[in-house]
Protein backbone atom coordinates (compact mmCIF):
# COMPACT_ATOMS: atom_id res chain seq x y z
CA MET A 1 -0.09 -0.12 0.03
CA ILE A 2 1.24 3.34 -0.89
CA SER A 3 1.25 5.98 1.99
CA MET A 4 -0.86 8.97 1.33
CA THR A 5 1.36 11.71 2.84
CA PRO A 6 0.21 15.30 2.64
CA ALA A 7 3.12 16.15 0.41
CA LYS A 8 2.16 13.38 -1.98
CA ILE A 9 -1.42 14.46 -2.05
CA LYS A 10 -0.16 18.09 -2.63
CA LYS A 11 1.97 17.07 -5.51
CA ARG A 12 -0.86 15.08 -7.24
CA ILE A 13 -3.34 18.04 -6.92
CA ASP A 14 -0.46 20.36 -8.43
CA ALA A 15 -0.16 18.14 -11.36
CA PHE A 16 -4.02 17.99 -11.65
CA GLN A 17 -4.06 21.96 -11.40
CA LYS A 18 -1.23 22.27 -13.88
CA GLN A 19 -2.99 20.01 -16.43
CA TYR A 20 -6.35 21.86 -16.02
CA GLU A 21 -4.66 25.07 -16.63
CA GLU A 22 -2.83 23.69 -19.73
CA GLU A 23 -6.19 22.57 -21.13
CA LEU A 24 -7.98 25.67 -20.52
CA ARG A 25 -5.05 27.53 -22.14
CA ASN A 26 -5.22 25.17 -25.25
CA LEU A 27 -8.93 25.73 -25.36
CA ALA A 28 -8.59 29.32 -25.25
CA GLU A 29 -5.95 29.56 -27.80
CA GLU A 30 -8.25 27.36 -30.23
CA VAL A 31 -11.04 29.91 -29.73
CA LEU A 32 -8.65 32.91 -30.37
CA GLN A 33 -7.38 31.21 -33.64
CA ASN A 34 -10.69 29.81 -34.89
CA ARG A 35 -13.12 32.31 -34.01
CA ILE A 36 -11.86 35.63 -32.73
CA ILE A 37 -8.95 36.08 -35.21
CA PRO A 38 -10.92 35.35 -38.24
CA TYR A 39 -13.86 37.73 -36.85
CA CYS A 40 -11.03 40.59 -36.44
CA LYS A 41 -9.27 40.07 -39.84
CA GLU A 42 -12.67 40.16 -41.47
CA HIS A 43 -13.74 43.41 -39.76
CA LYS A 44 -10.16 44.90 -39.68
CA LEU A 45 -10.03 44.99 -35.83
CA SER A 46 -7.43 44.29 -33.10
CA PHE A 47 -8.15 42.26 -30.03
CA VAL A 48 -6.58 42.83 -26.58
CA MET A 49 -7.45 42.01 -22.89
CA MET A 50 -7.08 45.15 -20.80
CA ASN A 51 -7.39 44.54 -17.00
CA GLY A 52 -9.36 41.37 -17.58
CA VAL A 53 -11.65 43.04 -20.12
CA PRO A 54 -11.76 42.01 -23.83
CA ARG A 55 -11.47 44.91 -26.14
CA LEU A 56 -11.80 45.55 -29.92
CA VAL A 57 -10.04 48.44 -31.60
CA ASN A 58 -10.63 49.59 -35.06
CA GLN A 59 -8.07 51.07 -37.47
CA SER A 60 -8.67 54.51 -36.19
CA ASN A 61 -7.55 53.19 -32.69
CA GLU A 62 -10.95 53.45 -31.31
CA TYR A 63 -13.00 50.85 -29.29
CA VAL A 64 -15.84 49.18 -31.04
CA VAL A 65 -18.72 47.33 -29.15
CA LEU A 66 -17.92 43.43 -28.85
CA PRO A 67 -20.04 41.24 -31.02
CA LYS A 68 -22.54 39.08 -29.07
CA PHE A 69 -20.44 36.01 -29.43
CA MET A 70 -17.67 37.54 -27.76
CA ARG A 71 -20.03 38.95 -24.91
CA ASN A 72 -21.27 35.36 -24.60
CA LEU A 73 -17.87 33.98 -24.55
CA PHE A 74 -16.64 36.43 -21.90
CA GLU A 75 -19.41 34.73 -19.63
CA VAL A 76 -18.26 31.23 -20.30
CA THR A 77 -16.96 29.97 -17.09
CA ASP A 78 -16.19 26.83 -15.57
CA ASP A 79 -17.17 25.73 -12.09
CA HIS A 80 -14.05 27.46 -10.57
CA GLY A 81 -15.25 30.85 -12.16
CA ASP A 82 -12.43 30.99 -14.61
CA HIS A 83 -13.22 33.11 -17.73
CA LEU A 84 -12.08 31.38 -20.76
CA MET A 85 -10.91 34.90 -22.28
CA TYR A 86 -8.69 35.47 -19.51
CA TRP A 87 -6.37 32.78 -20.85
CA MET A 88 -6.23 34.25 -24.13
CA ASN A 89 -3.41 36.13 -25.85
CA ASP A 90 -3.54 39.63 -27.35
CA PHE A 91 -4.06 39.72 -31.12
CA LYS A 92 -3.14 42.70 -33.18
CA PHE A 93 -4.70 43.02 -36.65
CA SER A 94 -2.03 45.80 -37.64
CA ASP A 95 1.30 46.85 -36.15
CA THR A 96 0.09 50.58 -36.06
CA THR A 97 -2.91 49.66 -33.55
CA ASP A 98 -2.30 51.81 -30.51
CA PHE A 99 -4.14 50.34 -27.37
CA ASN A 100 -2.95 53.22 -25.36
CA GLU A 101 -4.48 55.71 -27.83
CA ALA A 102 -7.70 53.79 -27.94
CA ASP A 103 -7.77 53.84 -23.98
CA GLU A 104 -7.22 57.64 -23.95
CA LYS A 105 -9.75 58.36 -26.69
CA HIS A 106 -12.27 56.15 -24.67
CA HIS A 107 -11.84 57.99 -21.43
CA LYS A 108 -11.72 61.33 -22.95
CA LYS A 109 -15.14 60.59 -24.40
CA ALA A 110 -16.49 59.09 -21.41
CA TYR A 111 -15.41 61.96 -19.18
CA THR A 112 -15.89 64.90 -21.17
CA ASP A 113 -17.83 67.67 -19.65
CA ARG A 114 -17.95 65.86 -16.51
CA SER A 115 -17.49 67.99 -13.38
CA LEU A 116 -14.76 67.08 -10.80
CA ALA A 117 -17.57 66.25 -8.18
CA SER A 118 -19.27 63.78 -10.71
CA LEU A 119 -16.01 62.33 -11.17
CA VAL A 120 -15.00 61.93 -7.51
CA PHE A 121 -18.41 60.10 -6.83
CA SER A 122 -18.10 57.99 -9.95
CA PRO A 123 -17.64 54.15 -9.37
CA ALA A 124 -14.09 54.23 -10.84
CA PHE A 125 -12.94 56.63 -8.12
CA ALA A 126 -14.76 54.68 -5.41
CA LEU A 127 -12.42 51.76 -5.96
CA LEU A 128 -9.32 53.97 -5.19
CA ARG A 129 -10.53 54.39 -1.66
């Protein structure tokens, strides 16, 4: 009989976790290659995950609304709450895509004509407390 020491049990659990993460990463790569990249190429968009949020950027370096299949995909989770899209690599359609510029344009548009008081009480500022 093989003794089941805590160290041996932990080693097996770690191996299972590694295998699980590898399979999840492989699935995410398959979805990226077979679904997201073809969509991006067809619509001339770039894909990036920013702070765990998927973003599509057009050739003018502006965010575009995610298509329904990507919004649904973002919600796909396993029993442990792992979002499949968190495991995806970024994809750029063009080397001229500037995600920082897209982010800046988005924030300028989102906060234009907002008073300082409205910004201070916004949900984003609440997180800084």
